[in-house]
Amino acid sequence: MTGGLFLLSCTRQSSAERAWSAISRFYDNCKKKIPGKKGYPKFKKNCRSVEYKTTGWKLDLNTRKAITFTDKNNIGRVKLVGTYDLHFYPIESIKRVRLIRRADGYYCQFILSIDVKIDSSPANSVIGLDVGLESFYTDQNGQKIDKPRFLRKGEKKLKKLQRRLSRKQKGSSNRRKARAKLAKAHLKISRQRKDLAVKLARCVIYSNDVIAYEDLRIKNLLKNHCLAKSINDAAWYQFREWIEYLGKKHGKITVAVPPHYTSQKCSNCGKIVKKSLSTRTHICACGCHLDRDENAARNILKIGLSTAGHSGTWLQDSLNAWGEDTATF
C-alpha cells in the first residue's frame, strides 16, 4: 500500500522497471564517457500514470468499449471513448494497459504485441528531405512545406496565462484552475506539433519508395541559444520518428544520412562552396544556381541512394519499449 492506495505487484514491477532503466542508462552514459550531462535519474514526486500488465483489468468482450479495473483502488468500470476498433486485435495481444492523467482528462493506453505490415503498391518515386527553420522541409525538386510555428503563435497566450498563474495565491483553488488552463495551452501546442508531424510523414511515406533525410543530433543543435526555441518548435525529431515508424510499417526504405557538408557541397559538380547560415542561395563556379535547401536535399538523396538496405528504426524500437506515444483509445 502506497499513499493509501493498494497497488498490484505487476504495477509496482512496471514502476521499478522504469526506474532501473533510468539508472542503467545513466551508468551506460558514464561508461561510454558521453560529453555533457549523463542523465542522472531524477525522483518524480507526481506520477501521472499507472501501468498494469496482464492482471488488474478486464476488457468488455462484447462491446470492447469499456474496461473494468479489478484492483482495490475503486476505479471500477470505465467507458472508453475513441474511434479505434479493438475488435481488430485479439485480447492475447494486449500486454499492458496504462492509465495516464493529462491536462484535459484521463486516457487509457493499450500496449500491443503485434507486427503490423501493410502491403503498399510501389510509388516509383524517391525523395530527399532537408529540414530547416525557413520551411519545415525542402525536397530535391525545390518543393517547400511551410513551418507553422505553433509555439511562436501561441506564445502571447502562454505569457498571459503564466502571468495570471503567478498572481494567484499558492495553495488556492484559483491557482489550481489557472495552472490547469496553462497546462491545456501547452498540451494544445504539443498536439499540434504531433498532428503536423504525423500527417506530413504519412504523405511522404505514401508518395515515395525511398526516403532519405539527415541524421541530425538535435541535442547538439540546441546549444545555439539563438535558435534553440525555433528548433524545438520545428519538431524535427518527432517527424523523423514517424517517418521511420511508417516506413517500417509500409515496407518503405528510410535512410538517415550524415549531415556533414550537405549544404556546402555542390550537388552538380561536388565542389565545396563555403557559405554562412544567412546565405540562402547556392552559387557554384560550374554554373549551378539553386536554393540552399534544395541543393542540400539533392545531396542527401544522392547519399541515401548509395546506401543499401534499411538504416534501422532504433528510435521506434526504443519508443515501443515504453509505449510513450502508443495510440490512445
C-alpha atoms as a PDB file:
ATOM      1  CA  MET A   1       0.000   0.000   0.000  1.00  0.00           C
ATOM      2  CA  THR A   2       1.420   3.370  -1.071  1.00  0.00           C
ATOM      3  CA  GLY A   3      -0.224   6.683  -0.248  1.00  0.00           C
ATOM      4  CA  GLY A   4      -3.448   4.992   0.852  1.00  0.00           C
ATOM      5  CA  LEU A   5      -3.752   3.038  -2.435  1.00  0.00           C
ATOM      6  CA  PHE A   6      -3.403  -0.699  -2.983  1.00  0.00           C
ATOM      7  CA  LEU A   7      -1.057  -1.391  -5.896  1.00  0.00           C
ATOM      8  CA  LEU A   8      -0.760  -4.787  -7.540  1.00  0.00           C
ATOM      9  CA  SER A   9       2.634  -6.429  -7.790  1.00  0.00           C
ATOM     10  CA  CYS A  10       2.663  -6.019 -11.602  1.00  0.00           C
ATOM     11  CA  THR A  11       2.041  -2.285 -11.206  1.00  0.00           C
ATOM     12  CA  ARG A  12       4.959  -1.946  -8.802  1.00  0.00           C
ATOM     13  CA  GLN A  13       7.115  -4.003 -11.173  1.00  0.00           C
ATOM     14  CA  SER A  14       6.374  -1.626 -14.068  1.00  0.00           C
ATOM     15  CA  SER A  15       7.375   1.358 -11.955  1.00  0.00           C
ATOM     16  CA  ALA A  16      10.555  -0.402 -10.852  1.00  0.00           C
ATOM     17  CA  GLU A  17      11.405  -1.273 -14.460  1.00  0.00           C
ATOM     18  CA  ARG A  18      11.255   2.364 -15.486  1.00  0.00           C
ATOM     19  CA  ALA A  19      13.399   3.376 -12.511  1.00  0.00           C
ATOM     20  CA  TRP A  20      16.035   0.733 -13.236  1.00  0.00           C
ATOM     21  CA  SER A  21      16.018   1.705 -16.909  1.00  0.00           C
ATOM     22  CA  ALA A  22      16.858   5.293 -15.994  1.00  0.00           C
ATOM     23  CA  ILE A  23      19.620   4.126 -13.618  1.00  0.00           C
ATOM     24  CA  SER A  24      21.176   1.734 -16.149  1.00  0.00           C
ATOM     25  CA  ARG A  25      21.046   4.403 -18.865  1.00  0.00           C
ATOM     26  CA  PHE A  26      22.917   6.787 -16.555  1.00  0.00           C
ATOM     27  CA  TYR A  27      25.660   4.245 -15.849  1.00  0.00           C
ATOM     28  CA  ASP A  28      25.933   3.343 -19.540  1.00  0.00           C
ATOM     29  CA  ASN A  29      26.446   7.007 -20.405  1.00  0.00           C
ATOM     30  CA  CYS A  30      29.124   7.245 -17.719  1.00  0.00           C
ATOM     31  CA  LYS A  31      30.939   4.163 -19.045  1.00  0.00           C
ATOM     32  CA  LYS A  32      30.791   5.467 -22.606  1.00  0.00           C
ATOM     33  CA  LYS A  33      32.116   8.838 -21.370  1.00  0.00           C
ATOM     34  CA  ILE A  34      29.472  10.789 -23.229  1.00  0.00           C
ATOM     35  CA  PRO A  35      30.310  14.505 -23.086  1.00  0.00           C
ATOM     36  CA  GLY A  36      27.974  16.765 -21.176  1.00  0.00           C
ATOM     37  CA  LYS A  37      25.235  15.639 -18.833  1.00  0.00           C
ATOM     38  CA  LYS A  38      24.911  11.922 -18.262  1.00  0.00           C
ATOM     39  CA  GLY A  39      21.205  11.888 -17.428  1.00  0.00           C
ATOM     40  CA  TYR A  40      21.279  11.467 -13.666  1.00  0.00           C
ATOM     41  CA  PRO A  41      17.968   9.874 -12.542  1.00  0.00           C
ATOM     42  CA  LYS A  42      15.503  12.296 -11.003  1.00  0.00           C
ATOM     43  CA  PHE A  43      12.893  11.493  -8.407  1.00  0.00           C
ATOM     44  CA  LYS A  44       9.357  12.007  -9.707  1.00  0.00           C
ATOM     45  CA  LYS A  45       7.152  13.316  -6.960  1.00  0.00           C
ATOM     46  CA  ASN A  46       3.957  13.417  -9.029  1.00  0.00           C
ATOM     47  CA  CYS A  47       3.473  10.252 -11.052  1.00  0.00           C
ATOM     48  CA  ARG A  48       0.661  10.768 -13.554  1.00  0.00           C
ATOM     49  CA  SER A  49       0.434   7.207 -14.857  1.00  0.00           C
ATOM     50  CA  VAL A  50      -0.314   3.723 -13.565  1.00  0.00           C
ATOM     51  CA  GLU A  51       0.587   0.689 -15.653  1.00  0.00           C
ATOM     52  CA  TYR A  52      -0.997  -2.762 -15.451  1.00  0.00           C
ATOM     53  CA  LYS A  53       0.382  -5.860 -17.120  1.00  0.00           C
ATOM     54  CA  THR A  54      -1.870  -8.860 -17.750  1.00  0.00           C
ATOM     55  CA  THR A  55      -3.767  -8.661 -14.460  1.00  0.00           C
ATOM     56  CA  GLY A  56      -5.799  -5.994 -12.677  1.00  0.00           C
ATOM     57  CA  TRP A  57      -8.053  -5.172 -15.626  1.00  0.00           C
ATOM     58  CA  LYS A  58     -10.761  -6.799 -17.703  1.00  0.00           C
ATOM     59  CA  LEU A  59     -11.959  -5.589 -21.099  1.00  0.00           C
ATOM     60  CA  ASP A  60     -15.625  -5.880 -22.056  1.00  0.00           C
ATOM     61  CA  LEU A  61     -15.553  -8.728 -24.596  1.00  0.00           C
ATOM     62  CA  ASN A  62     -18.919  -7.839 -26.140  1.00  0.00           C
ATOM     63  CA  THR A  63     -18.517  -4.167 -26.986  1.00  0.00           C
ATOM     64  CA  ARG A  64     -14.826  -3.571 -26.179  1.00  0.00           C
ATOM     65  CA  LYS A  65     -15.854  -0.025 -25.368  1.00  0.00           C
ATOM     66  CA  ALA A  66     -15.424  -0.377 -21.599  1.00  0.00           C
ATOM     67  CA  ILE A  67     -12.757  -1.647 -19.251  1.00  0.00           C
ATOM     68  CA  THR A  68     -13.073  -2.714 -15.617  1.00  0.00           C
ATOM     69  CA  PHE A  69     -10.175  -2.402 -13.186  1.00  0.00           C
ATOM     70  CA  THR A  70     -10.335  -5.218 -10.648  1.00  0.00           C
ATOM     71  CA  ASP A  71      -7.760  -3.955  -8.157  1.00  0.00           C
ATOM     72  CA  LYS A  72      -8.699  -2.346  -4.838  1.00  0.00           C
ATOM     73  CA  ASN A  73      -8.362   1.279  -5.970  1.00  0.00           C
ATOM     74  CA  ASN A  74     -12.127   1.537  -6.569  1.00  0.00           C
ATOM     75  CA  ILE A  75     -11.714   2.667 -10.176  1.00  0.00           C
ATOM     76  CA  GLY A  76     -14.316   0.199 -11.358  1.00  0.00           C
ATOM     77  CA  ARG A  77     -15.821   0.221 -14.861  1.00  0.00           C
ATOM     78  CA  VAL A  78     -14.628   2.950 -17.214  1.00  0.00           C
ATOM     79  CA  LYS A  79     -16.157   3.763 -20.580  1.00  0.00           C
ATOM     80  CA  LEU A  80     -13.717   4.051 -23.493  1.00  0.00           C
ATOM     81  CA  VAL A  81     -14.325   6.915 -25.883  1.00  0.00           C
ATOM     82  CA  GLY A  82     -12.464   6.813 -29.193  1.00  0.00           C
ATOM     83  CA  THR A  83     -12.555   5.818 -32.842  1.00  0.00           C
ATOM     84  CA  TYR A  84     -10.192   2.835 -32.688  1.00  0.00           C
ATOM     85  CA  ASP A  85     -11.797  -0.596 -33.085  1.00  0.00           C
ATOM     86  CA  LEU A  86     -10.369  -3.008 -30.516  1.00  0.00           C
ATOM     87  CA  HIS A  87     -12.195  -5.931 -32.181  1.00  0.00           C
ATOM     88  CA  PHE A  88      -9.401  -5.942 -34.763  1.00  0.00           C
ATOM     89  CA  TYR A  89      -6.869  -7.137 -32.160  1.00  0.00           C
ATOM     90  CA  PRO A  90      -7.056 -10.355 -30.106  1.00  0.00           C
ATOM     91  CA  ILE A  91      -7.175  -9.962 -26.347  1.00  0.00           C
ATOM     92  CA  GLU A  92      -3.988 -12.028 -26.013  1.00  0.00           C
ATOM     93  CA  SER A  93      -2.014  -9.365 -27.896  1.00  0.00           C
ATOM     94  CA  ILE A  94      -2.722  -6.733 -25.211  1.00  0.00           C
ATOM     95  CA  LYS A  95       0.308  -6.946 -22.934  1.00  0.00           C
ATOM     96  CA  ARG A  96      -0.055  -3.776 -20.878  1.00  0.00           C
ATOM     97  CA  VAL A  97      -2.726  -1.214 -20.030  1.00  0.00           C
ATOM     98  CA  ARG A  98      -1.726   2.238 -18.876  1.00  0.00           C
ATOM     99  CA  LEU A  99      -3.868   4.949 -17.272  1.00  0.00           C
ATOM    100  CA  ILE A 100      -2.499   8.437 -17.872  1.00  0.00           C
ATOM    101  CA  ARG A 101      -3.655  11.731 -16.465  1.00  0.00           C
ATOM    102  CA  ARG A 102      -3.196  14.728 -18.736  1.00  0.00           C
ATOM    103  CA  ALA A 103      -4.270  18.339 -18.551  1.00  0.00           C
ATOM    104  CA  ASP A 104      -7.625  17.678 -20.239  1.00  0.00           C
ATOM    105  CA  GLY A 105      -8.574  14.353 -18.684  1.00  0.00           C
ATOM    106  CA  TYR A 106      -7.658  10.694 -18.275  1.00  0.00           C
ATOM    107  CA  TYR A 107      -6.503   8.420 -21.079  1.00  0.00           C
ATOM    108  CA  CYS A 108      -6.166   4.664 -21.402  1.00  0.00           C
ATOM    109  CA  GLN A 109      -3.328   3.256 -23.491  1.00  0.00           C
ATOM    110  CA  PHE A 110      -3.174  -0.323 -24.741  1.00  0.00           C
ATOM    111  CA  ILE A 111       0.314  -1.678 -25.488  1.00  0.00           C
ATOM    112  CA  LEU A 112       0.020  -4.475 -28.051  1.00  0.00           C
ATOM    113  CA  SER A 113       2.488  -7.154 -29.089  1.00  0.00           C
ATOM    114  CA  ILE A 114       1.815  -7.337 -32.823  1.00  0.00           C
ATOM    115  CA  ASP A 115       3.782  -6.985 -36.036  1.00  0.00           C
ATOM    116  CA  VAL A 116       1.847  -4.722 -38.381  1.00  0.00           C
ATOM    117  CA  LYS A 117       2.761  -4.946 -42.050  1.00  0.00           C
ATOM    118  CA  ILE A 118       0.801  -3.156 -44.762  1.00  0.00           C
ATOM    119  CA  ASP A 119       1.212  -4.104 -48.403  1.00  0.00           C
ATOM    120  CA  SER A 120       1.698  -0.891 -50.345  1.00  0.00           C
ATOM    121  CA  SER A 121       1.921  -0.542 -54.095  1.00  0.00           C
ATOM    122  CA  PRO A 122       5.187   0.959 -55.404  1.00  0.00           C
ATOM    123  CA  ALA A 123       5.077   4.726 -55.811  1.00  0.00           C
ATOM    124  CA  ASN A 124       8.019   4.732 -58.279  1.00  0.00           C
ATOM    125  CA  SER A 125       9.407   7.814 -56.605  1.00  0.00           C
ATOM    126  CA  VAL A 126      12.261   8.749 -54.265  1.00  0.00           C
ATOM    127  CA  ILE A 127      12.729  11.830 -52.120  1.00  0.00           C
ATOM    128  CA  GLY A 128      15.467  13.608 -50.219  1.00  0.00           C
ATOM    129  CA  LEU A 129      14.424  15.829 -47.320  1.00  0.00           C
ATOM    130  CA  ASP A 130      16.302  18.763 -45.855  1.00  0.00           C
ATOM    131  CA  VAL A 131      14.630  20.133 -42.729  1.00  0.00           C
ATOM    132  CA  GLY A 132      15.135  23.759 -41.835  1.00  0.00           C
ATOM    133  CA  LEU A 133      13.890  26.802 -39.981  1.00  0.00           C
ATOM    134  CA  GLU A 134      12.732  28.793 -43.013  1.00  0.00           C
ATOM    135  CA  SER A 135      10.484  25.918 -44.099  1.00  0.00           C
ATOM    136  CA  PHE A 136       9.621  22.634 -42.425  1.00  0.00           C
ATOM    137  CA  TYR A 137      11.374  20.653 -45.154  1.00  0.00           C
ATOM    138  CA  THR A 138      12.537  21.052 -48.747  1.00  0.00           C
ATOM    139  CA  ASP A 139      12.824  18.178 -51.227  1.00  0.00           C
ATOM    140  CA  GLN A 140      15.190  17.711 -54.176  1.00  0.00           C
ATOM    141  CA  ASN A 141      12.676  19.298 -56.562  1.00  0.00           C
ATOM    142  CA  GLY A 142      12.542  22.538 -54.619  1.00  0.00           C
ATOM    143  CA  GLN A 143       9.108  21.903 -53.100  1.00  0.00           C
ATOM    144  CA  LYS A 144       8.840  23.525 -49.670  1.00  0.00           C
ATOM    145  CA  ILE A 145       6.444  22.846 -46.799  1.00  0.00           C
ATOM    146  CA  ASP A 146       5.825  25.883 -44.639  1.00  0.00           C
ATOM    147  CA  LYS A 147       6.601  25.659 -40.935  1.00  0.00           C
ATOM    148  CA  PRO A 148       3.521  26.692 -38.910  1.00  0.00           C
ATOM    149  CA  ARG A 149       5.468  27.878 -35.808  1.00  0.00           C
ATOM    150  CA  PHE A 150       2.866  26.768 -33.274  1.00  0.00           C
ATOM    151  CA  LEU A 151       4.843  27.936 -30.232  1.00  0.00           C
ATOM    152  CA  ARG A 152       5.507  31.387 -31.693  1.00  0.00           C
ATOM    153  CA  LYS A 153       1.827  31.861 -32.472  1.00  0.00           C
ATOM    154  CA  GLY A 154       0.678  30.688 -29.040  1.00  0.00           C
ATOM    155  CA  GLU A 155       3.410  32.454 -27.096  1.00  0.00           C
ATOM    156  CA  LYS A 156       1.297  35.531 -26.396  1.00  0.00           C
ATOM    157  CA  LYS A 157      -1.467  33.451 -24.861  1.00  0.00           C
ATOM    158  CA  LEU A 158       1.028  31.397 -22.851  1.00  0.00           C
ATOM    159  CA  LYS A 159       2.600  34.530 -21.379  1.00  0.00           C
ATOM    160  CA  LYS A 160      -0.813  35.870 -20.427  1.00  0.00           C
ATOM    161  CA  LEU A 161      -1.791  32.624 -18.683  1.00  0.00           C
ATOM    162  CA  GLN A 162       1.597  32.455 -16.958  1.00  0.00           C
ATOM    163  CA  ARG A 163       1.164  35.960 -15.533  1.00  0.00           C
ATOM    164  CA  ARG A 164      -2.280  35.057 -14.246  1.00  0.00           C
ATOM    165  CA  LEU A 165      -0.864  31.963 -12.575  1.00  0.00           C
ATOM    166  CA  SER A 166       1.955  33.874 -10.873  1.00  0.00           C
ATOM    167  CA  ARG A 167      -0.529  36.338  -9.328  1.00  0.00           C
ATOM    168  CA  LYS A 168      -2.611  33.617  -7.661  1.00  0.00           C
ATOM    169  CA  GLN A 169      -2.027  32.649  -4.056  1.00  0.00           C
ATOM    170  CA  LYS A 170      -0.216  29.366  -3.632  1.00  0.00           C
ATOM    171  CA  GLY A 171      -2.453  26.548  -2.495  1.00  0.00           C
ATOM    172  CA  SER A 172      -5.682  28.291  -3.534  1.00  0.00           C
ATOM    173  CA  SER A 173      -8.323  26.843  -5.839  1.00  0.00           C
ATOM    174  CA  ASN A 174      -7.920  29.789  -8.209  1.00  0.00           C
ATOM    175  CA  ARG A 175      -4.245  28.931  -8.653  1.00  0.00           C
ATOM    176  CA  ARG A 176      -5.176  25.337  -9.391  1.00  0.00           C
ATOM    177  CA  LYS A 177      -7.628  26.487 -12.078  1.00  0.00           C
ATOM    178  CA  ALA A 178      -5.081  28.869 -13.593  1.00  0.00           C
ATOM    179  CA  ARG A 179      -2.498  26.103 -13.644  1.00  0.00           C
ATOM    180  CA  ALA A 180      -4.940  23.800 -15.447  1.00  0.00           C
ATOM    181  CA  LYS A 181      -5.588  26.430 -18.130  1.00  0.00           C
ATOM    182  CA  LEU A 182      -1.870  26.919 -18.687  1.00  0.00           C
ATOM    183  CA  ALA A 183      -1.310  23.166 -18.929  1.00  0.00           C
ATOM    184  CA  LYS A 184      -4.084  22.841 -21.524  1.00  0.00           C
ATOM    185  CA  ALA A 185      -2.497  25.597 -23.621  1.00  0.00           C
ATOM    186  CA  HIS A 186       0.851  23.770 -23.595  1.00  0.00           C
ATOM    187  CA  LEU A 187      -0.875  20.474 -24.378  1.00  0.00           C
ATOM    188  CA  LYS A 188      -2.614  22.003 -27.397  1.00  0.00           C
ATOM    189  CA  ILE A 189       0.695  23.198 -28.863  1.00  0.00           C
ATOM    190  CA  SER A 190       2.243  19.778 -28.281  1.00  0.00           C
ATOM    191  CA  ARG A 191      -0.638  18.062 -30.059  1.00  0.00           C
ATOM    192  CA  GLN A 192      -0.480  20.499 -32.967  1.00  0.00           C
ATOM    193  CA  ARG A 193       3.172  19.599 -33.493  1.00  0.00           C
ATOM    194  CA  LYS A 194       2.447  15.887 -33.364  1.00  0.00           C
ATOM    195  CA  ASP A 195      -0.517  16.186 -35.727  1.00  0.00           C
ATOM    196  CA  LEU A 196       1.610  18.016 -38.301  1.00  0.00           C
ATOM    197  CA  ALA A 197       4.466  15.509 -37.986  1.00  0.00           C
ATOM    198  CA  VAL A 198       2.137  12.521 -38.450  1.00  0.00           C
ATOM    199  CA  LYS A 199       0.315  13.988 -41.450  1.00  0.00           C
ATOM    200  CA  LEU A 200       3.475  15.056 -43.259  1.00  0.00           C
ATOM    201  CA  ALA A 201       5.229  11.754 -42.526  1.00  0.00           C
ATOM    202  CA  ARG A 202       2.238   9.817 -43.846  1.00  0.00           C
ATOM    203  CA  CYS A 203       2.168  11.860 -47.070  1.00  0.00           C
ATOM    204  CA  VAL A 204       5.903  11.330 -47.602  1.00  0.00           C
ATOM    205  CA  ILE A 205       5.683   7.567 -46.995  1.00  0.00           C
ATOM    206  CA  TYR A 206       2.633   7.078 -49.229  1.00  0.00           C
ATOM    207  CA  SER A 207       4.188   9.020 -52.129  1.00  0.00           C
ATOM    208  CA  ASN A 208       7.717   7.588 -52.152  1.00  0.00           C
ATOM    209  CA  ASP A 209       9.560   4.272 -52.008  1.00  0.00           C
ATOM    210  CA  VAL A 210      12.894   5.596 -50.686  1.00  0.00           C
ATOM    211  CA  ILE A 211      13.123   8.455 -48.191  1.00  0.00           C
ATOM    212  CA  ALA A 212      16.485  10.000 -47.337  1.00  0.00           C
ATOM    213  CA  TYR A 213      16.897  12.532 -44.537  1.00  0.00           C
ATOM    214  CA  GLU A 214      19.629  13.971 -42.363  1.00  0.00           C
ATOM    215  CA  ASP A 215      20.793  12.151 -39.237  1.00  0.00           C
ATOM    216  CA  LEU A 216      20.694  15.277 -37.111  1.00  0.00           C
ATOM    217  CA  ARG A 217      21.735  15.402 -33.464  1.00  0.00           C
ATOM    218  CA  ILE A 218      19.130  17.759 -32.070  1.00  0.00           C
ATOM    219  CA  LYS A 219      20.817  17.885 -28.663  1.00  0.00           C
ATOM    220  CA  ASN A 220      23.912  19.442 -30.191  1.00  0.00           C
ATOM    221  CA  LEU A 221      21.915  21.893 -32.289  1.00  0.00           C
ATOM    222  CA  LEU A 222      20.123  23.178 -29.185  1.00  0.00           C
ATOM    223  CA  LYS A 223      23.419  24.518 -27.835  1.00  0.00           C
ATOM    224  CA  ASN A 224      22.851  27.503 -30.122  1.00  0.00           C
ATOM    225  CA  HIS A 225      20.702  29.577 -27.757  1.00  0.00           C
ATOM    226  CA  CYS A 226      19.654  31.940 -30.555  1.00  0.00           C
ATOM    227  CA  LEU A 227      17.952  29.118 -32.450  1.00  0.00           C
ATOM    228  CA  ALA A 228      17.049  26.681 -29.655  1.00  0.00           C
ATOM    229  CA  LYS A 229      13.409  27.779 -29.356  1.00  0.00           C
ATOM    230  CA  SER A 230      12.828  27.646 -33.116  1.00  0.00           C
ATOM    231  CA  ILE A 231      14.474  24.218 -33.380  1.00  0.00           C
ATOM    232  CA  ASN A 232      12.294  22.828 -30.586  1.00  0.00           C
ATOM    233  CA  ASP A 233       9.223  24.352 -32.200  1.00  0.00           C
ATOM    234  CA  ALA A 234      10.051  22.650 -35.521  1.00  0.00           C
ATOM    235  CA  ALA A 235       9.760  19.119 -34.032  1.00  0.00           C
ATOM    236  CA  TRP A 236      12.295  17.566 -36.416  1.00  0.00           C
ATOM    237  CA  TYR A 237      12.914  14.611 -34.120  1.00  0.00           C
ATOM    238  CA  GLN A 238       9.215  13.752 -33.916  1.00  0.00           C
ATOM    239  CA  PHE A 239       8.930  13.949 -37.698  1.00  0.00           C
ATOM    240  CA  ARG A 240      11.837  11.523 -38.039  1.00  0.00           C
ATOM    241  CA  GLU A 241      10.265   9.092 -35.569  1.00  0.00           C
ATOM    242  CA  TRP A 242       7.070   8.887 -37.598  1.00  0.00           C
ATOM    243  CA  ILE A 243       8.970   8.612 -40.888  1.00  0.00           C
ATOM    244  CA  GLU A 244      10.824   5.580 -39.564  1.00  0.00           C
ATOM    245  CA  TYR A 245       7.754   4.015 -37.947  1.00  0.00           C
ATOM    246  CA  LEU A 246       5.525   4.373 -41.018  1.00  0.00           C
ATOM    247  CA  GLY A 247       8.391   3.310 -43.286  1.00  0.00           C
ATOM    248  CA  LYS A 248       8.773   0.061 -41.373  1.00  0.00           C
ATOM    249  CA  LYS A 249       5.010  -0.431 -41.302  1.00  0.00           C
ATOM    250  CA  HIS A 250       4.551   0.056 -45.076  1.00  0.00           C
ATOM    251  CA  GLY A 251       7.779  -1.640 -46.133  1.00  0.00           C
ATOM    252  CA  LYS A 252       9.440   1.530 -47.422  1.00  0.00           C
ATOM    253  CA  ILE A 253      13.164   2.275 -47.253  1.00  0.00           C
ATOM    254  CA  THR A 254      14.180   5.089 -44.909  1.00  0.00           C
ATOM    255  CA  VAL A 255      17.815   6.154 -44.834  1.00  0.00           C
ATOM    256  CA  ALA A 256      19.386   8.571 -42.342  1.00  0.00           C
ATOM    257  CA  VAL A 257      22.485  10.109 -43.947  1.00  0.00           C
ATOM    258  CA  PRO A 258      25.327  12.051 -42.260  1.00  0.00           C
ATOM    259  CA  PRO A 259      24.587  15.792 -42.368  1.00  0.00           C
ATOM    260  CA  HIS A 260      28.209  16.814 -42.977  1.00  0.00           C
ATOM    261  CA  TYR A 261      28.670  19.269 -45.870  1.00  0.00           C
ATOM    262  CA  THR A 262      25.230  18.616 -47.359  1.00  0.00           C
ATOM    263  CA  SER A 263      24.642  22.370 -47.582  1.00  0.00           C
ATOM    264  CA  GLN A 264      28.200  23.309 -48.591  1.00  0.00           C
ATOM    265  CA  LYS A 265      28.762  20.677 -51.270  1.00  0.00           C
ATOM    266  CA  CYS A 266      27.585  21.412 -54.807  1.00  0.00           C
ATOM    267  CA  SER A 267      25.035  18.852 -55.958  1.00  0.00           C
ATOM    268  CA  ASN A 268      26.173  19.289 -59.589  1.00  0.00           C
ATOM    269  CA  CYS A 269      29.978  19.067 -59.504  1.00  0.00           C
ATOM    270  CA  GLY A 270      30.720  18.073 -55.898  1.00  0.00           C
ATOM    271  CA  LYS A 271      32.846  21.111 -55.107  1.00  0.00           C
ATOM    272  CA  ILE A 272      32.705  22.590 -51.591  1.00  0.00           C
ATOM    273  CA  VAL A 273      31.246  26.102 -51.625  1.00  0.00           C
ATOM    274  CA  LYS A 274      31.544  27.730 -48.202  1.00  0.00           C
ATOM    275  CA  LYS A 275      28.547  29.784 -47.130  1.00  0.00           C
ATOM    276  CA  SER A 276      27.166  31.163 -43.874  1.00  0.00           C
ATOM    277  CA  LEU A 277      23.776  30.294 -42.455  1.00  0.00           C
ATOM    278  CA  SER A 278      22.363  33.617 -43.649  1.00  0.00           C
ATOM    279  CA  THR A 279      23.267  32.811 -47.281  1.00  0.00           C
ATOM    280  CA  ARG A 280      20.163  31.150 -48.686  1.00  0.00           C
ATOM    281  CA  THR A 281      21.317  30.678 -52.297  1.00  0.00           C
ATOM    282  CA  HIS A 282      23.886  28.189 -53.571  1.00  0.00           C
ATOM    283  CA  ILE A 283      26.034  29.584 -56.395  1.00  0.00           C
ATOM    284  CA  CYS A 284      28.867  27.457 -57.786  1.00  0.00           C
ATOM    285  CA  ALA A 285      31.551  28.175 -60.401  1.00  0.00           C
ATOM    286  CA  CYS A 286      30.178  25.298 -62.502  1.00  0.00           C
ATOM    287  CA  GLY A 287      27.035  27.325 -63.172  1.00  0.00           C
ATOM    288  CA  CYS A 288      24.782  25.650 -60.596  1.00  0.00           C
ATOM    289  CA  HIS A 289      22.381  28.191 -59.101  1.00  0.00           C
ATOM    290  CA  LEU A 290      19.968  26.681 -56.589  1.00  0.00           C
ATOM    291  CA  ASP A 291      18.214  27.402 -53.336  1.00  0.00           C
ATOM    292  CA  ARG A 292      20.425  26.398 -50.428  1.00  0.00           C
ATOM    293  CA  ASP A 293      17.922  23.866 -49.036  1.00  0.00           C
ATOM    294  CA  GLU A 294      17.182  22.365 -52.455  1.00  0.00           C
ATOM    295  CA  ASN A 295      20.905  21.821 -53.056  1.00  0.00           C
ATOM    296  CA  ALA A 296      21.183  20.109 -49.650  1.00  0.00           C
ATOM    297  CA  ALA A 297      18.166  17.892 -50.413  1.00  0.00           C
ATOM    298  CA  ARG A 298      19.796  16.735 -53.651  1.00  0.00           C
ATOM    299  CA  ASN A 299      22.996  15.841 -51.820  1.00  0.00           C
ATOM    300  CA  ILE A 300      21.007  13.981 -49.153  1.00  0.00           C
ATOM    301  CA  LEU A 301      19.190  11.978 -51.819  1.00  0.00           C
ATOM    302  CA  LYS A 302      22.446  11.037 -53.570  1.00  0.00           C
ATOM    303  CA  ILE A 303      23.965   9.753 -50.340  1.00  0.00           C
ATOM    304  CA  GLY A 304      20.740   7.964 -49.435  1.00  0.00           C
ATOM    305  CA  LEU A 305      20.524   6.137 -52.773  1.00  0.00           C
ATOM    306  CA  SER A 306      24.124   4.968 -52.373  1.00  0.00           C
ATOM    307  CA  THR A 307      23.216   3.325 -49.048  1.00  0.00           C
ATOM    308  CA  ALA A 308      21.888  -0.194 -49.454  1.00  0.00           C
ATOM    309  CA  GLY A 309      19.065  -1.522 -47.286  1.00  0.00           C
ATOM    310  CA  HIS A 310      17.225  -0.035 -44.362  1.00  0.00           C
ATOM    311  CA  SER A 311      19.062   2.225 -41.943  1.00  0.00           C
ATOM    312  CA  GLY A 312      17.212   0.804 -38.956  1.00  0.00           C
ATOM    313  CA  THR A 313      14.457   2.046 -36.691  1.00  0.00           C
ATOM    314  CA  TRP A 314      16.164   2.167 -33.299  1.00  0.00           C
ATOM    315  CA  LEU A 315      14.088   5.256 -32.482  1.00  0.00           C
ATOM    316  CA  GLN A 316      10.872   3.320 -32.843  1.00  0.00           C
ATOM    317  CA  ASP A 317      12.254   0.247 -31.071  1.00  0.00           C
ATOM    318  CA  SER A 318      13.063   2.342 -28.006  1.00  0.00           C
ATOM    319  CA  LEU A 319       9.685   4.035 -28.313  1.00  0.00           C
ATOM    320  CA  ASN A 320       7.772   0.759 -28.276  1.00  0.00           C
ATOM    321  CA  ALA A 321       9.629  -0.408 -25.195  1.00  0.00           C
ATOM    322  CA  TRP A 322       7.736   2.053 -23.016  1.00  0.00           C
ATOM    323  CA  GLY A 323       4.791   2.916 -25.268  1.00  0.00           C
ATOM    324  CA  GLU A 324       5.045   6.652 -24.609  1.00  0.00           C
ATOM    325  CA  ASP A 325       3.371   7.579 -27.898  1.00  0.00           C
ATOM    326  CA  THR A 326       1.269   4.476 -28.227  1.00  0.00           C
ATOM    327  CA  ALA A 327      -2.117   5.051 -29.789  1.00  0.00           C
ATOM    328  CA  THR A 328      -4.644   6.073 -27.158  1.00  0.00           C
ATOM    329  CA  PHE A 329      -8.161   4.640 -27.297  1.00  0.00           C
END
